[in-house]
Amino acid sequence: MQTYVLAGGCFWCLDAAYRALDGVSSVESGYVGGSVPSPSYEQVCTGATGHAEAVKVTFDEDVIPSDVILDAFFTMHDPRQLNRQGNDIGTQYRSAMFPADDAQRAEFQRAAERAADWWGGGLVTTMEPLSEWYPAEDYHQDFFAKNPGQGYCLAVAVPKVNKVRARFSEYARS
């Protein structure tokens, strides 16, 4: 099993898209990259804590290659938008990767280079040291499955999930 910590806008969308892939055994939404211990969602939303909304994705490399996990990351958000994804604006919505070690850093860098080719350059995704991870509040975990009719989920998460399922159809859960 391998675990990656990735941030690309609202964690609800990343959570939902990763849960749609075979081989992903768990996804946890949380906060990383900031300076305030045990921040709340409300604190993170101010942008003052320095944390990003992120997901911790654990997957089985015998089922889904790490390249697919990382390419899906760059598929489900626009890594050219600085400190935002659509109408979600602030440093908490930044595109960032948090490698746990040098091997992950090298994998993440290769994925960013592939993504720069697809997106035509201009990536603003940062590579940040993996700092203390703080799980988000329970109501944020698997938010899309718990709130499928919620407006944000319908307008923003569903298209991202569909995009990932289409691009990586051989790994899509049935």
N, C-alpha and C. Protein backbone atom coordinates (compact mmCIF):
# COMPACT_ATOMS: atom_id res chain seq x y z
N MET A 1 0.85 -1.18 0.00
CA MET A 1 0.00 0.00 0.00
C MET A 1 0.89 1.24 0.00
N GLN A 2 0.39 2.25 -0.66
CA GLN A 2 1.08 3.53 -0.78
C GLN A 2 0.08 4.62 -0.39
N THR A 3 0.58 5.69 0.21
CA THR A 3 -0.27 6.81 0.58
C THR A 3 0.34 8.11 0.06
N TYR A 4 -0.50 8.92 -0.60
CA TYR A 4 -0.10 10.23 -1.08
C TYR A 4 -0.97 11.28 -0.41
N VAL A 5 -0.39 12.46 -0.18
CA VAL A 5 -1.13 13.61 0.33
C VAL A 5 -1.10 14.68 -0.76
N LEU A 6 -2.31 15.04 -1.22
CA LEU A 6 -2.46 15.93 -2.37
C LEU A 6 -3.55 16.96 -2.12
N ALA A 7 -3.33 18.17 -2.62
CA ALA A 7 -4.31 19.25 -2.48
C ALA A 7 -4.57 19.85 -3.85
N GLY A 8 -5.85 19.98 -4.19
CA GLY A 8 -6.21 20.54 -5.50
C GLY A 8 -7.59 21.15 -5.46
N GLY A 9 -7.78 22.13 -4.60
CA GLY A 9 -9.09 22.74 -4.45
C GLY A 9 -9.84 22.10 -3.31
N CYS A 10 -11.14 22.17 -3.36
CA CYS A 10 -11.99 21.62 -2.30
C CYS A 10 -11.76 20.12 -2.15
N PHE A 11 -11.56 19.68 -0.92
CA PHE A 11 -11.27 18.26 -0.72
C PHE A 11 -12.46 17.36 -1.01
N TRP A 12 -13.67 17.89 -1.03
CA TRP A 12 -14.84 17.07 -1.36
C TRP A 12 -14.70 16.47 -2.76
N CYS A 13 -14.20 17.26 -3.71
CA CYS A 13 -14.08 16.80 -5.09
C CYS A 13 -13.00 15.73 -5.23
N LEU A 14 -11.84 15.98 -4.65
CA LEU A 14 -10.76 15.00 -4.74
C LEU A 14 -11.18 13.70 -4.07
N ASP A 15 -11.82 13.80 -2.93
CA ASP A 15 -12.30 12.63 -2.20
C ASP A 15 -13.23 11.81 -3.08
N ALA A 16 -14.21 12.45 -3.68
CA ALA A 16 -15.20 11.75 -4.50
C ALA A 16 -14.56 11.11 -5.72
N ALA A 17 -13.65 11.82 -6.39
CA ALA A 17 -13.03 11.29 -7.60
C ALA A 17 -12.13 10.10 -7.27
N TYR A 18 -11.36 10.17 -6.20
CA TYR A 18 -10.50 9.03 -5.85
C TYR A 18 -11.31 7.82 -5.41
N ARG A 19 -12.42 8.04 -4.73
CA ARG A 19 -13.25 6.91 -4.31
C ARG A 19 -13.88 6.18 -5.50
N ALA A 20 -13.87 6.81 -6.66
CA ALA A 20 -14.44 6.20 -7.86
C ALA A 20 -13.46 5.24 -8.54
N LEU A 21 -12.24 5.12 -8.01
CA LEU A 21 -11.21 4.30 -8.65
C LEU A 21 -10.94 3.01 -7.89
N ASP A 22 -10.89 1.89 -8.63
CA ASP A 22 -10.50 0.61 -8.05
C ASP A 22 -9.07 0.70 -7.54
N GLY A 23 -8.81 0.01 -6.46
CA GLY A 23 -7.47 0.01 -5.90
C GLY A 23 -7.25 1.06 -4.84
N VAL A 24 -8.14 2.05 -4.78
CA VAL A 24 -8.06 3.05 -3.72
C VAL A 24 -8.76 2.46 -2.51
N SER A 25 -8.00 2.24 -1.45
CA SER A 25 -8.58 1.59 -0.26
C SER A 25 -9.13 2.59 0.74
N SER A 26 -8.58 3.81 0.76
CA SER A 26 -9.14 4.82 1.65
C SER A 26 -8.78 6.22 1.18
N VAL A 27 -9.66 7.13 1.51
CA VAL A 27 -9.43 8.56 1.25
C VAL A 27 -9.86 9.28 2.51
N GLU A 28 -8.97 10.13 3.01
CA GLU A 28 -9.30 10.93 4.18
C GLU A 28 -9.10 12.40 3.82
N SER A 29 -10.11 13.21 4.06
CA SER A 29 -10.00 14.65 3.87
C SER A 29 -9.37 15.26 5.11
N GLY A 30 -8.54 16.27 4.89
CA GLY A 30 -7.90 16.91 6.03
C GLY A 30 -7.17 18.18 5.65
N TYR A 31 -6.34 18.61 6.59
CA TYR A 31 -5.62 19.88 6.46
C TYR A 31 -4.14 19.63 6.64
N VAL A 32 -3.32 20.27 5.80
CA VAL A 32 -1.87 20.09 5.85
C VAL A 32 -1.20 21.36 5.34
N GLY A 33 0.04 21.55 5.76
CA GLY A 33 0.83 22.66 5.22
C GLY A 33 0.68 23.98 5.93
N GLY A 34 0.09 23.97 7.09
CA GLY A 34 -0.12 25.23 7.80
C GLY A 34 0.66 25.32 9.10
N SER A 35 0.36 26.36 9.86
CA SER A 35 1.13 26.63 11.08
C SER A 35 0.30 26.55 12.37
N VAL A 36 -1.00 26.37 12.25
CA VAL A 36 -1.86 26.34 13.44
C VAL A 36 -2.16 24.89 13.80
N PRO A 37 -1.86 24.48 15.04
CA PRO A 37 -2.15 23.09 15.42
C PRO A 37 -3.65 22.81 15.45
N SER A 38 -4.04 21.64 14.97
CA SER A 38 -5.43 21.16 15.00
C SER A 38 -6.44 22.22 14.54
N PRO A 39 -6.29 22.74 13.33
CA PRO A 39 -7.21 23.78 12.87
C PRO A 39 -8.60 23.23 12.61
N SER A 40 -9.58 24.07 12.76
CA SER A 40 -10.96 23.72 12.40
C SER A 40 -11.19 24.12 10.96
N TYR A 41 -12.25 23.60 10.37
CA TYR A 41 -12.64 23.98 9.02
C TYR A 41 -12.83 25.49 8.92
N GLU A 42 -13.50 26.05 9.90
CA GLU A 42 -13.75 27.49 9.90
C GLU A 42 -12.45 28.28 9.89
N GLN A 43 -11.46 27.82 10.67
CA GLN A 43 -10.16 28.50 10.69
C GLN A 43 -9.46 28.38 9.34
N VAL A 44 -9.45 27.19 8.78
CA VAL A 44 -8.79 26.98 7.49
C VAL A 44 -9.44 27.84 6.41
N CYS A 45 -10.76 27.96 6.45
CA CYS A 45 -11.49 28.76 5.45
C CYS A 45 -11.09 30.22 5.44
N THR A 46 -10.54 30.73 6.52
CA THR A 46 -10.10 32.13 6.55
C THR A 46 -8.83 32.34 5.72
N GLY A 47 -8.09 31.26 5.48
CA GLY A 47 -6.82 31.36 4.79
C GLY A 47 -5.67 31.76 5.70
N ALA A 48 -5.97 32.05 6.96
CA ALA A 48 -4.95 32.55 7.88
C ALA A 48 -4.09 31.45 8.50
N THR A 49 -4.49 30.20 8.42
CA THR A 49 -3.72 29.13 9.05
C THR A 49 -2.59 28.61 8.17
N GLY A 50 -2.68 28.87 6.86
CA GLY A 50 -1.69 28.37 5.92
C GLY A 50 -1.95 26.95 5.43
N HIS A 51 -2.98 26.31 5.98
CA HIS A 51 -3.28 24.94 5.58
C HIS A 51 -3.96 24.89 4.21
N ALA A 52 -3.79 23.75 3.55
CA ALA A 52 -4.53 23.45 2.33
C ALA A 52 -5.58 22.39 2.67
N GLU A 53 -6.72 22.47 2.02
CA GLU A 53 -7.66 21.37 2.05
C GLU A 53 -7.03 20.28 1.19
N ALA A 54 -6.88 19.10 1.74
CA ALA A 54 -6.15 18.04 1.03
C ALA A 54 -6.80 16.69 1.28
N VAL A 55 -6.32 15.71 0.55
CA VAL A 55 -6.74 14.33 0.79
C VAL A 55 -5.51 13.47 1.00
N LYS A 56 -5.68 12.48 1.83
CA LYS A 56 -4.69 11.44 2.04
C LYS A 56 -5.27 10.21 1.34
N VAL A 57 -4.64 9.81 0.23
CA VAL A 57 -5.14 8.72 -0.61
C VAL A 57 -4.26 7.50 -0.41
N THR A 58 -4.86 6.40 0.02
CA THR A 58 -4.14 5.15 0.19
C THR A 58 -4.64 4.18 -0.88
N PHE A 59 -3.69 3.55 -1.57
CA PHE A 59 -4.05 2.69 -2.69
C PHE A 59 -3.10 1.50 -2.80
N ASP A 60 -3.58 0.49 -3.51
CA ASP A 60 -2.82 -0.74 -3.73
C ASP A 60 -2.19 -0.67 -5.11
N GLU A 61 -0.87 -0.56 -5.15
CA GLU A 61 -0.15 -0.43 -6.42
C GLU A 61 -0.25 -1.69 -7.29
N ASP A 62 -0.67 -2.81 -6.70
CA ASP A 62 -0.90 -4.02 -7.50
C ASP A 62 -2.21 -3.94 -8.27
N VAL A 63 -3.07 -3.01 -7.89
CA VAL A 63 -4.37 -2.84 -8.55
C VAL A 63 -4.38 -1.60 -9.44
N ILE A 64 -3.82 -0.51 -8.94
CA ILE A 64 -3.80 0.76 -9.68
C ILE A 64 -2.41 1.38 -9.56
N PRO A 65 -1.75 1.64 -10.69
CA PRO A 65 -0.40 2.19 -10.63
C PRO A 65 -0.36 3.59 -10.01
N SER A 66 0.75 3.90 -9.39
CA SER A 66 0.91 5.23 -8.78
C SER A 66 0.80 6.33 -9.83
N ASP A 67 1.24 6.06 -11.06
CA ASP A 67 1.12 7.07 -12.12
C ASP A 67 -0.34 7.43 -12.38
N VAL A 68 -1.23 6.45 -12.28
CA VAL A 68 -2.65 6.72 -12.50
C VAL A 68 -3.19 7.59 -11.38
N ILE A 69 -2.80 7.31 -10.15
CA ILE A 69 -3.24 8.13 -9.01
C ILE A 69 -2.81 9.57 -9.22
N LEU A 70 -1.57 9.76 -9.63
CA LEU A 70 -1.05 11.12 -9.82
C LEU A 70 -1.62 11.79 -11.07
N ASP A 71 -1.77 11.03 -12.15
CA ASP A 71 -2.37 11.62 -13.35
C ASP A 71 -3.84 11.98 -13.10
N ALA A 72 -4.53 11.19 -12.30
CA ALA A 72 -5.91 11.52 -11.93
C ALA A 72 -5.95 12.83 -11.15
N PHE A 73 -4.98 13.03 -10.27
CA PHE A 73 -4.88 14.28 -9.50
C PHE A 73 -4.84 15.48 -10.45
N PHE A 74 -4.00 15.39 -11.47
CA PHE A 74 -3.88 16.51 -12.41
C PHE A 74 -5.05 16.58 -13.40
N THR A 75 -5.87 15.55 -13.44
CA THR A 75 -7.07 15.55 -14.28
C THR A 75 -8.24 16.18 -13.55
N MET A 76 -8.32 15.97 -12.23
CA MET A 76 -9.51 16.39 -11.48
C MET A 76 -9.48 17.84 -11.02
N HIS A 77 -8.37 18.54 -11.26
CA HIS A 77 -8.34 19.97 -10.95
C HIS A 77 -7.47 20.68 -11.98
N ASP A 78 -7.57 21.98 -12.04
CA ASP A 78 -6.78 22.77 -12.97
C ASP A 78 -5.54 23.29 -12.23
N PRO A 79 -4.38 22.67 -12.49
CA PRO A 79 -3.17 23.04 -11.77
C PRO A 79 -2.54 24.35 -12.24
N ARG A 80 -3.24 25.08 -13.09
CA ARG A 80 -2.75 26.38 -13.55
C ARG A 80 -3.37 27.53 -12.79
N GLN A 81 -4.33 27.23 -11.93
CA GLN A 81 -5.01 28.28 -11.17
C GLN A 81 -4.31 28.47 -9.82
N LEU A 82 -3.80 29.65 -9.58
CA LEU A 82 -3.08 29.95 -8.36
C LEU A 82 -4.05 30.23 -7.21
N ASN A 83 -3.94 29.42 -6.17
CA ASN A 83 -4.72 29.60 -4.94
C ASN A 83 -6.23 29.67 -5.19
N ARG A 84 -6.69 28.79 -6.06
CA ARG A 84 -8.13 28.73 -6.33
C ARG A 84 -8.44 27.53 -7.19
N GLN A 85 -9.70 27.16 -7.17
CA GLN A 85 -10.28 26.23 -8.13
C GLN A 85 -11.68 26.77 -8.39
N GLY A 86 -11.88 27.31 -9.57
CA GLY A 86 -13.18 27.90 -9.90
C GLY A 86 -13.51 29.03 -8.94
N ASN A 87 -14.68 28.92 -8.30
CA ASN A 87 -15.12 29.96 -7.37
C ASN A 87 -14.56 29.80 -5.97
N ASP A 88 -13.84 28.71 -5.70
CA ASP A 88 -13.19 28.52 -4.40
C ASP A 88 -11.85 29.24 -4.45
N ILE A 89 -11.74 30.33 -3.70
CA ILE A 89 -10.56 31.19 -3.78
C ILE A 89 -9.89 31.28 -2.42
N GLY A 90 -8.57 31.16 -2.41
CA GLY A 90 -7.77 31.29 -1.20
C GLY A 90 -6.65 30.26 -1.20
N THR A 91 -5.64 30.50 -0.38
CA THR A 91 -4.49 29.58 -0.34
C THR A 91 -4.88 28.18 0.11
N GLN A 92 -6.01 28.07 0.81
CA GLN A 92 -6.46 26.74 1.26
C GLN A 92 -6.89 25.88 0.09
N TYR A 93 -7.09 26.48 -1.08
CA TYR A 93 -7.50 25.75 -2.29
C TYR A 93 -6.35 25.59 -3.29
N ARG A 94 -5.12 25.80 -2.83
CA ARG A 94 -3.97 25.73 -3.73
C ARG A 94 -3.76 24.31 -4.26
N SER A 95 -3.07 24.26 -5.38
CA SER A 95 -2.64 22.99 -5.96
C SER A 95 -1.27 22.67 -5.36
N ALA A 96 -1.22 21.58 -4.59
CA ALA A 96 0.02 21.25 -3.89
C ALA A 96 0.16 19.75 -3.72
N MET A 97 1.41 19.32 -3.69
CA MET A 97 1.75 17.92 -3.45
C MET A 97 2.67 17.89 -2.24
N PHE A 98 2.46 16.91 -1.38
CA PHE A 98 3.19 16.82 -0.11
C PHE A 98 3.91 15.48 -0.03
N PRO A 99 5.09 15.37 -0.65
CA PRO A 99 5.80 14.09 -0.66
C PRO A 99 6.30 13.70 0.74
N ALA A 100 6.19 12.40 1.03
CA ALA A 100 6.63 11.87 2.32
C ALA A 100 8.13 11.58 2.33
N ASP A 101 8.73 11.45 1.15
CA ASP A 101 10.16 11.12 1.06
C ASP A 101 10.68 11.49 -0.32
N ASP A 102 11.97 11.24 -0.55
CA ASP A 102 12.59 11.60 -1.82
C ASP A 102 12.01 10.81 -2.99
N ALA A 103 11.65 9.55 -2.75
CA ALA A 103 11.07 8.73 -3.82
C ALA A 103 9.73 9.32 -4.27
N GLN A 104 8.89 9.70 -3.32
CA GLN A 104 7.62 10.33 -3.68
C GLN A 104 7.86 11.66 -4.38
N ARG A 105 8.81 12.42 -3.90
CA ARG A 105 9.11 13.71 -4.53
C ARG A 105 9.46 13.51 -6.01
N ALA A 106 10.26 12.51 -6.31
CA ALA A 106 10.64 12.22 -7.70
C ALA A 106 9.41 11.79 -8.51
N GLU A 107 8.56 10.93 -7.94
CA GLU A 107 7.32 10.51 -8.62
C GLU A 107 6.43 11.71 -8.89
N PHE A 108 6.26 12.55 -7.88
CA PHE A 108 5.40 13.72 -8.01
C PHE A 108 5.94 14.67 -9.09
N GLN A 109 7.25 14.84 -9.11
CA GLN A 109 7.86 15.72 -10.11
C GLN A 109 7.62 15.19 -11.52
N ARG A 110 7.79 13.89 -11.71
CA ARG A 110 7.53 13.30 -13.04
C ARG A 110 6.06 13.49 -13.45
N ALA A 111 5.16 13.33 -12.49
CA ALA A 111 3.73 13.53 -12.78
C ALA A 111 3.46 14.98 -13.16
N ALA A 112 4.08 15.91 -12.46
CA ALA A 112 3.89 17.33 -12.77
C ALA A 112 4.42 17.64 -14.17
N GLU A 113 5.51 17.02 -14.55
CA GLU A 113 6.06 17.23 -15.89
C GLU A 113 5.10 16.69 -16.96
N ARG A 114 4.52 15.51 -16.71
CA ARG A 114 3.52 14.97 -17.65
C ARG A 114 2.33 15.92 -17.76
N ALA A 115 1.87 16.39 -16.61
CA ALA A 115 0.70 17.28 -16.58
C ALA A 115 0.99 18.60 -17.29
N ALA A 116 2.20 19.11 -17.16
CA ALA A 116 2.56 20.36 -17.85
C ALA A 116 2.41 20.19 -19.35
N ASP A 117 2.73 19.00 -19.86
CA ASP A 117 2.56 18.74 -21.29
C ASP A 117 1.08 18.78 -21.67
N TRP A 118 0.19 18.12 -20.87
CA TRP A 118 -1.24 18.08 -21.20
C TRP A 118 -1.87 19.45 -21.11
N TRP A 119 -1.48 20.19 -20.06
CA TRP A 119 -2.11 21.48 -19.81
C TRP A 119 -1.46 22.62 -20.60
N GLY A 120 -0.38 22.34 -21.33
CA GLY A 120 0.28 23.39 -22.10
C GLY A 120 1.14 24.29 -21.24
N GLY A 121 1.64 23.76 -20.13
CA GLY A 121 2.51 24.53 -19.25
C GLY A 121 1.73 25.38 -18.26
N GLY A 122 2.48 26.22 -17.55
CA GLY A 122 1.86 27.16 -16.63
C GLY A 122 1.37 26.57 -15.31
N LEU A 123 1.85 25.37 -14.94
CA LEU A 123 1.42 24.78 -13.67
C LEU A 123 1.93 25.60 -12.48
N VAL A 124 1.06 25.78 -11.49
CA VAL A 124 1.45 26.48 -10.27
C VAL A 124 1.48 25.52 -9.07
N THR A 125 1.36 24.25 -9.34
CA THR A 125 1.37 23.23 -8.28
C THR A 125 2.68 23.32 -7.51
N THR A 126 2.56 23.40 -6.19
CA THR A 126 3.75 23.47 -5.35
C THR A 126 4.10 22.09 -4.82
N MET A 127 5.37 21.91 -4.51
CA MET A 127 5.87 20.71 -3.86
C MET A 127 6.28 21.17 -2.47
N GLU A 128 5.51 20.76 -1.45
CA GLU A 128 5.72 21.26 -0.10
C GLU A 128 6.09 20.11 0.83
N PRO A 129 6.88 20.39 1.85
CA PRO A 129 7.22 19.33 2.80
C PRO A 129 5.96 18.80 3.48
N LEU A 130 5.91 17.50 3.67
CA LEU A 130 4.77 16.90 4.36
C LEU A 130 4.89 17.26 5.84
N SER A 131 3.96 18.07 6.29
CA SER A 131 3.94 18.50 7.69
C SER A 131 2.84 17.73 8.41
N GLU A 132 2.52 18.17 9.61
CA GLU A 132 1.49 17.51 10.40
C GLU A 132 0.16 17.44 9.64
N TRP A 133 -0.44 16.26 9.63
CA TRP A 133 -1.73 16.02 8.98
C TRP A 133 -2.83 16.11 10.03
N TYR A 134 -3.87 16.86 9.74
CA TYR A 134 -5.02 16.97 10.64
C TYR A 134 -6.27 16.52 9.89
N PRO A 135 -6.88 15.42 10.30
CA PRO A 135 -8.11 14.99 9.64
C PRO A 135 -9.19 16.06 9.76
N ALA A 136 -9.94 16.22 8.68
CA ALA A 136 -11.07 17.15 8.71
C ALA A 136 -12.18 16.56 9.57
N GLU A 137 -13.11 17.39 9.92
CA GLU A 137 -14.24 16.99 10.74
C GLU A 137 -15.00 15.85 10.04
N ASP A 138 -15.67 15.02 10.84
CA ASP A 138 -16.35 13.83 10.31
C ASP A 138 -17.31 14.15 9.17
N TYR A 139 -18.02 15.27 9.24
CA TYR A 139 -18.99 15.55 8.20
C TYR A 139 -18.35 15.81 6.83
N HIS A 140 -17.03 16.06 6.78
CA HIS A 140 -16.33 16.26 5.51
C HIS A 140 -15.89 14.92 4.89
N GLN A 141 -15.82 13.88 5.68
CA GLN A 141 -15.35 12.60 5.17
C GLN A 141 -16.41 11.96 4.28
N ASP A 142 -16.01 11.59 3.06
CA ASP A 142 -16.92 10.98 2.08
C ASP A 142 -18.16 11.87 1.88
N PHE A 143 -17.93 13.16 1.81
CA PHE A 143 -19.01 14.14 1.76
C PHE A 143 -19.96 13.90 0.58
N PHE A 144 -19.40 13.62 -0.59
CA PHE A 144 -20.22 13.44 -1.78
C PHE A 144 -21.22 12.29 -1.61
N ALA A 145 -20.76 11.16 -1.10
CA ALA A 145 -21.66 10.01 -0.91
C ALA A 145 -22.75 10.31 0.11
N LYS A 146 -22.42 11.12 1.10
CA LYS A 146 -23.39 11.46 2.14
C LYS A 146 -24.36 12.56 1.69
N ASN A 147 -23.97 13.34 0.68
CA ASN A 147 -24.75 14.51 0.24
C ASN A 147 -24.84 14.58 -1.28
N PRO A 148 -25.30 13.53 -1.94
CA PRO A 148 -25.27 13.50 -3.41
C PRO A 148 -26.14 14.57 -4.08
N GLY A 149 -27.14 15.08 -3.39
CA GLY A 149 -28.00 16.09 -3.98
C GLY A 149 -27.60 17.51 -3.65
N GLN A 150 -26.53 17.67 -2.89
CA GLN A 150 -26.08 19.00 -2.49
C GLN A 150 -25.62 19.77 -3.74
N GLY A 151 -25.96 21.03 -3.82
CA GLY A 151 -25.71 21.84 -5.01
C GLY A 151 -24.26 21.87 -5.46
N TYR A 152 -23.33 22.07 -4.53
CA TYR A 152 -21.91 22.12 -4.88
C TYR A 152 -21.48 20.79 -5.47
N CYS A 153 -21.92 19.70 -4.86
CA CYS A 153 -21.56 18.37 -5.35
C CYS A 153 -22.05 18.18 -6.78
N LEU A 154 -23.29 18.57 -7.04
CA LEU A 154 -23.85 18.40 -8.38
C LEU A 154 -23.14 19.27 -9.41
N ALA A 155 -22.84 20.49 -9.04
CA ALA A 155 -22.25 21.44 -9.98
C ALA A 155 -20.75 21.26 -10.17
N VAL A 156 -20.04 20.88 -9.11
CA VAL A 156 -18.57 20.87 -9.17
C VAL A 156 -18.00 19.45 -9.06
N ALA A 157 -18.44 18.68 -8.09
CA ALA A 157 -17.85 17.35 -7.88
C ALA A 157 -18.23 16.36 -8.98
N VAL A 158 -19.48 16.32 -9.36
CA VAL A 158 -19.92 15.34 -10.37
C VAL A 158 -19.12 15.46 -11.67
N PRO A 159 -18.94 16.66 -12.23
CA PRO A 159 -18.14 16.74 -13.46
C PRO A 159 -16.70 16.25 -13.27
N LYS A 160 -16.11 16.49 -12.12
CA LYS A 160 -14.74 16.04 -11.87
C LYS A 160 -14.69 14.52 -11.75
N VAL A 161 -15.64 13.95 -11.05
CA VAL A 161 -15.70 12.48 -10.94
C VAL A 161 -15.89 11.87 -12.33
N ASN A 162 -16.79 12.43 -13.11
CA ASN A 162 -17.05 11.91 -14.45
C ASN A 162 -15.82 12.01 -15.35
N LYS A 163 -15.09 13.11 -15.22
CA LYS A 163 -13.88 13.30 -16.02
C LYS A 163 -12.83 12.23 -15.68
N VAL A 164 -12.65 11.97 -14.39
CA VAL A 164 -11.67 10.96 -13.96
C VAL A 164 -12.14 9.57 -14.39
N ARG A 165 -13.42 9.27 -14.20
CA ARG A 165 -13.95 7.95 -14.59
C ARG A 165 -13.78 7.72 -16.10
N ALA A 166 -13.98 8.76 -16.90
CA ALA A 166 -13.85 8.63 -18.36
C ALA A 166 -12.38 8.44 -18.76
N ARG A 167 -11.50 9.23 -18.20
CA ARG A 167 -10.08 9.16 -18.59
C ARG A 167 -9.43 7.87 -18.11
N PHE A 168 -9.85 7.38 -16.96
CA PHE A 168 -9.25 6.19 -16.38
C PHE A 168 -10.28 5.08 -16.24
N SER A 169 -11.04 4.87 -17.31
CA SER A 169 -12.17 3.93 -17.28
C SER A 169 -11.76 2.52 -16.89
N GLU A 170 -10.56 2.11 -17.23
CA GLU A 170 -10.13 0.75 -16.87
C GLU A 170 -9.94 0.57 -15.37
N TYR A 171 -9.90 1.69 -14.63
CA TYR A 171 -9.75 1.63 -13.17
C TYR A 171 -11.01 2.09 -12.44
N ALA A 172 -12.04 2.45 -13.18
CA ALA A 172 -13.28 2.95 -12.57
C ALA A 172 -14.03 1.83 -11.85
N ARG A 173 -14.46 2.14 -10.64
CA ARG A 173 -15.29 1.17 -9.92
C ARG A 173 -16.63 1.04 -10.63
N SER A 174 -17.17 -0.18 -10.61
CA SER A 174 -18.47 -0.36 -11.26
C SER A 174 -19.60 -0.20 -10.29
